N, C-alpha and C. Protein backbone atom coordinates (compact mmCIF):
# COMPACT_ATOMS: atom_id res chain seq x y z
N MET A 1 174.13 22.99 -105.25
CA MET A 1 173.97 22.08 -106.35
C MET A 1 173.66 22.85 -107.62
N ASP A 2 174.19 22.37 -108.71
CA ASP A 2 173.98 23.02 -109.98
C ASP A 2 172.79 22.36 -110.67
N LEU A 3 171.63 23.02 -110.67
CA LEU A 3 170.43 22.45 -111.28
C LEU A 3 170.56 22.33 -112.78
N ALA A 4 171.39 23.18 -113.40
CA ALA A 4 171.56 23.10 -114.85
C ALA A 4 172.27 21.81 -115.25
N PHE A 5 173.14 21.32 -114.39
CA PHE A 5 173.88 20.10 -114.71
C PHE A 5 172.99 18.87 -114.60
N PHE A 6 172.26 18.71 -113.49
CA PHE A 6 171.43 17.54 -113.28
C PHE A 6 170.03 17.69 -113.87
N GLY A 7 169.54 18.89 -113.98
CA GLY A 7 168.20 19.12 -114.49
C GLY A 7 167.12 18.99 -113.43
N LYS A 8 167.48 18.52 -112.26
CA LYS A 8 166.55 18.41 -111.14
C LYS A 8 167.36 18.35 -109.85
N VAL A 9 166.68 18.47 -108.76
CA VAL A 9 167.37 18.40 -107.47
C VAL A 9 167.70 16.93 -107.19
N VAL A 10 168.97 16.67 -106.92
CA VAL A 10 169.41 15.31 -106.64
C VAL A 10 169.40 15.11 -105.13
N PRO A 11 168.70 14.08 -104.63
CA PRO A 11 168.66 13.85 -103.19
C PRO A 11 170.00 13.37 -102.67
N LEU A 12 170.21 13.55 -101.38
CA LEU A 12 171.45 13.10 -100.76
C LEU A 12 171.48 11.57 -100.69
N ALA A 13 172.67 11.03 -100.47
CA ALA A 13 172.82 9.58 -100.35
C ALA A 13 171.98 9.08 -99.19
N GLY A 14 171.34 7.95 -99.37
CA GLY A 14 170.47 7.39 -98.35
C GLY A 14 169.03 7.83 -98.50
N LEU A 15 168.78 8.85 -99.27
CA LEU A 15 167.43 9.34 -99.47
C LEU A 15 166.98 9.13 -100.91
N ARG A 16 167.71 8.35 -101.68
CA ARG A 16 167.45 8.23 -103.10
C ARG A 16 166.23 7.40 -103.41
N ARG A 17 165.94 6.39 -102.60
CA ARG A 17 164.71 5.62 -102.81
C ARG A 17 164.24 5.11 -101.45
N PRO A 18 162.96 4.94 -101.33
CA PRO A 18 162.46 4.45 -100.04
C PRO A 18 162.84 2.99 -99.83
N PRO A 19 162.98 2.55 -98.60
CA PRO A 19 163.34 1.15 -98.35
C PRO A 19 162.20 0.23 -98.76
N PRO A 20 162.52 -1.01 -99.14
CA PRO A 20 161.46 -1.95 -99.53
C PRO A 20 160.62 -2.34 -98.31
N PRO A 21 159.39 -2.78 -98.54
CA PRO A 21 158.56 -3.19 -97.41
C PRO A 21 159.17 -4.38 -96.67
N PRO A 22 158.87 -4.53 -95.40
CA PRO A 22 159.45 -5.64 -94.63
C PRO A 22 159.06 -7.00 -95.21
N GLY A 23 160.00 -7.92 -95.18
CA GLY A 23 159.74 -9.26 -95.68
C GLY A 23 160.03 -9.43 -97.16
N THR A 24 160.33 -8.36 -97.88
CA THR A 24 160.62 -8.47 -99.31
C THR A 24 162.06 -8.10 -99.63
N GLN A 25 162.89 -7.98 -98.60
CA GLN A 25 164.28 -7.61 -98.85
C GLN A 25 165.02 -8.78 -99.48
N PRO A 26 165.89 -8.51 -100.45
CA PRO A 26 166.63 -9.59 -101.09
C PRO A 26 167.69 -10.16 -100.14
N VAL A 27 168.08 -11.41 -100.40
CA VAL A 27 169.11 -12.05 -99.60
C VAL A 27 170.45 -11.49 -100.05
N ARG A 28 171.20 -11.00 -99.10
CA ARG A 28 172.52 -10.44 -99.41
C ARG A 28 173.58 -11.42 -98.97
N ALA A 29 174.75 -11.33 -99.59
CA ALA A 29 175.85 -12.22 -99.22
C ALA A 29 176.28 -11.99 -97.78
N SER A 30 176.10 -10.78 -97.27
CA SER A 30 176.51 -10.51 -95.90
C SER A 30 175.58 -11.17 -94.89
N MET A 31 174.42 -11.67 -95.32
CA MET A 31 173.49 -12.31 -94.42
C MET A 31 173.84 -13.78 -94.19
N TYR A 32 174.74 -14.34 -95.00
CA TYR A 32 175.15 -15.72 -94.84
C TYR A 32 176.09 -15.83 -93.64
N PRO A 33 176.04 -16.93 -92.92
CA PRO A 33 177.05 -17.12 -91.86
C PRO A 33 178.41 -17.31 -92.52
N ARG A 34 179.38 -16.54 -92.10
CA ARG A 34 180.66 -16.56 -92.79
C ARG A 34 181.75 -17.24 -91.99
N GLY A 35 181.49 -17.56 -90.75
CA GLY A 35 182.53 -18.15 -89.92
C GLY A 35 182.91 -19.55 -90.36
N PRO A 36 184.09 -20.00 -89.95
CA PRO A 36 184.52 -21.35 -90.34
C PRO A 36 183.68 -22.42 -89.65
N SER A 37 183.50 -23.53 -90.34
CA SER A 37 182.77 -24.66 -89.78
C SER A 37 183.45 -25.94 -90.21
N GLN A 38 183.39 -26.96 -89.36
CA GLN A 38 183.97 -28.25 -89.68
C GLN A 38 182.88 -29.20 -90.14
N LYS A 39 183.20 -29.97 -91.17
CA LYS A 39 182.24 -30.94 -91.70
C LYS A 39 182.89 -32.32 -91.70
N PRO A 40 182.53 -33.16 -90.73
CA PRO A 40 183.08 -34.52 -90.73
C PRO A 40 182.36 -35.41 -91.74
N GLU A 41 183.13 -36.25 -92.39
CA GLU A 41 182.58 -37.19 -93.37
C GLU A 41 183.08 -38.58 -93.01
N ARG A 42 182.16 -39.51 -92.79
CA ARG A 42 182.55 -40.87 -92.39
C ARG A 42 183.07 -41.64 -93.59
N LEU A 43 184.25 -42.21 -93.44
CA LEU A 43 184.85 -43.01 -94.49
C LEU A 43 184.43 -44.47 -94.33
N SER A 44 184.68 -45.28 -95.34
CA SER A 44 184.21 -46.67 -95.32
C SER A 44 184.92 -47.51 -94.26
N ASP A 45 186.13 -47.13 -93.83
CA ASP A 45 186.86 -47.91 -92.83
C ASP A 45 186.59 -47.44 -91.40
N GLY A 46 185.61 -46.55 -91.20
CA GLY A 46 185.24 -46.12 -89.86
C GLY A 46 185.93 -44.85 -89.40
N ARG A 47 186.88 -44.36 -90.18
CA ARG A 47 187.53 -43.11 -89.82
C ARG A 47 186.70 -41.94 -90.31
N TYR A 48 187.03 -40.74 -89.83
CA TYR A 48 186.31 -39.53 -90.22
C TYR A 48 187.27 -38.56 -90.90
N LEU A 49 186.88 -38.05 -92.07
CA LEU A 49 187.62 -37.02 -92.78
C LEU A 49 186.98 -35.69 -92.42
N VAL A 50 187.74 -34.81 -91.77
CA VAL A 50 187.20 -33.53 -91.31
C VAL A 50 187.83 -32.41 -92.13
N THR A 51 186.99 -31.63 -92.80
CA THR A 51 187.47 -30.49 -93.58
C THR A 51 186.88 -29.21 -93.00
N ASN A 52 187.60 -28.12 -93.15
CA ASN A 52 187.18 -26.82 -92.64
C ASN A 52 186.66 -25.98 -93.80
N TRP A 53 185.47 -25.41 -93.63
CA TRP A 53 184.83 -24.64 -94.69
C TRP A 53 184.46 -23.26 -94.17
N MET A 54 184.36 -22.31 -95.08
CA MET A 54 183.95 -20.95 -94.76
C MET A 54 183.19 -20.39 -95.94
N THR A 55 182.23 -19.53 -95.68
CA THR A 55 181.46 -18.91 -96.75
C THR A 55 182.14 -17.61 -97.16
N ASN A 56 182.39 -17.45 -98.47
CA ASN A 56 183.04 -16.23 -98.92
C ASN A 56 182.00 -15.12 -99.13
N ARG A 57 182.44 -13.99 -99.66
CA ARG A 57 181.53 -12.84 -99.82
C ARG A 57 180.42 -13.09 -100.82
N CYS A 58 180.62 -14.05 -101.72
CA CYS A 58 179.59 -14.35 -102.72
C CYS A 58 178.58 -15.37 -102.23
N GLY A 59 178.77 -15.87 -101.01
CA GLY A 59 177.84 -16.85 -100.47
C GLY A 59 178.19 -18.28 -100.83
N ARG A 60 179.38 -18.51 -101.38
CA ARG A 60 179.80 -19.86 -101.75
C ARG A 60 180.76 -20.39 -100.70
N GLU A 61 180.69 -21.70 -100.48
CA GLU A 61 181.58 -22.31 -99.50
C GLU A 61 182.93 -22.61 -100.13
N VAL A 62 184.00 -22.27 -99.42
CA VAL A 62 185.35 -22.56 -99.86
C VAL A 62 186.06 -23.30 -98.73
N GLN A 63 186.95 -24.21 -99.12
CA GLN A 63 187.68 -24.98 -98.11
C GLN A 63 188.85 -24.17 -97.61
N ILE A 64 189.03 -24.14 -96.30
CA ILE A 64 190.15 -23.42 -95.69
C ILE A 64 190.86 -24.36 -94.73
N GLY A 65 192.09 -24.03 -94.41
CA GLY A 65 192.81 -24.76 -93.38
C GLY A 65 193.17 -26.17 -93.78
N ALA A 66 193.51 -26.96 -92.75
CA ALA A 66 193.99 -28.32 -92.96
C ALA A 66 192.84 -29.31 -93.04
N THR A 67 193.11 -30.45 -93.68
CA THR A 67 192.18 -31.57 -93.72
C THR A 67 192.75 -32.63 -92.78
N ALA A 68 191.90 -33.21 -91.95
CA ALA A 68 192.39 -34.14 -90.93
C ALA A 68 191.59 -35.43 -90.94
N ILE A 69 192.25 -36.50 -90.49
CA ILE A 69 191.62 -37.81 -90.33
C ILE A 69 191.52 -38.08 -88.83
N TYR A 70 190.31 -38.41 -88.38
CA TYR A 70 190.08 -38.71 -86.97
C TYR A 70 189.56 -40.13 -86.82
N VAL A 71 189.81 -40.72 -85.64
CA VAL A 71 189.28 -42.02 -85.27
C VAL A 71 188.57 -41.85 -83.94
N VAL A 72 187.45 -42.55 -83.77
CA VAL A 72 186.73 -42.49 -82.50
C VAL A 72 187.30 -43.58 -81.59
N ASN A 73 187.75 -43.16 -80.38
CA ASN A 73 188.33 -44.14 -79.46
C ASN A 73 187.24 -44.84 -78.65
N ASP A 74 187.65 -45.63 -77.66
CA ASP A 74 186.71 -46.43 -76.87
C ASP A 74 185.75 -45.57 -76.05
N TYR A 75 186.12 -44.32 -75.78
CA TYR A 75 185.29 -43.44 -74.96
C TYR A 75 184.40 -42.52 -75.81
N GLY A 76 184.43 -42.68 -77.11
CA GLY A 76 183.59 -41.87 -77.99
C GLY A 76 184.17 -40.52 -78.33
N VAL A 77 185.48 -40.34 -78.10
CA VAL A 77 186.15 -39.07 -78.38
C VAL A 77 186.91 -39.21 -79.70
N MET A 78 186.82 -38.18 -80.53
CA MET A 78 187.54 -38.21 -81.81
C MET A 78 189.00 -37.85 -81.58
N VAL A 79 189.91 -38.73 -82.03
CA VAL A 79 191.35 -38.58 -81.84
C VAL A 79 191.99 -38.33 -83.20
N LEU A 80 192.85 -37.32 -83.29
CA LEU A 80 193.52 -36.98 -84.54
C LEU A 80 194.54 -38.06 -84.90
N VAL A 81 194.49 -38.53 -86.16
CA VAL A 81 195.41 -39.55 -86.64
C VAL A 81 196.36 -38.96 -87.68
N GLU A 82 195.81 -38.27 -88.69
CA GLU A 82 196.61 -37.65 -89.75
C GLU A 82 196.10 -36.24 -89.99
N SER A 83 196.99 -35.41 -90.52
CA SER A 83 196.60 -34.04 -90.87
C SER A 83 197.34 -33.62 -92.12
N TRP A 84 196.60 -33.10 -93.09
CA TRP A 84 197.19 -32.62 -94.34
C TRP A 84 196.94 -31.14 -94.47
N GLY A 85 197.83 -30.45 -95.12
CA GLY A 85 197.64 -29.02 -95.34
C GLY A 85 198.44 -28.19 -94.37
N ASP A 86 198.02 -26.95 -94.21
CA ASP A 86 198.79 -26.02 -93.37
C ASP A 86 198.68 -26.43 -91.89
N GLN A 87 199.80 -26.44 -91.25
CA GLN A 87 199.87 -26.77 -89.83
C GLN A 87 200.07 -25.49 -89.04
N CYS A 88 199.19 -25.20 -88.12
CA CYS A 88 199.31 -23.98 -87.32
C CYS A 88 199.97 -24.27 -86.00
């Protein structure tokens, strides 16, 4: 290392500052759950609007995939009625 350039000894990466004490670490975007999740919303006519959401790198939720309309049948199972958006 050239001490004349930096004026002092520069520590290696990872040794530049000590880690913060436990319990005071800031919330990072990578700590958010990022996997897709479905959020059903009950409509006024008894049907359910189901949208797929995912958390991006900034920690904000964005809608992904198709939006679907479900109806609950006599056995309590949600049955697909309509689907909008990308079809896989």
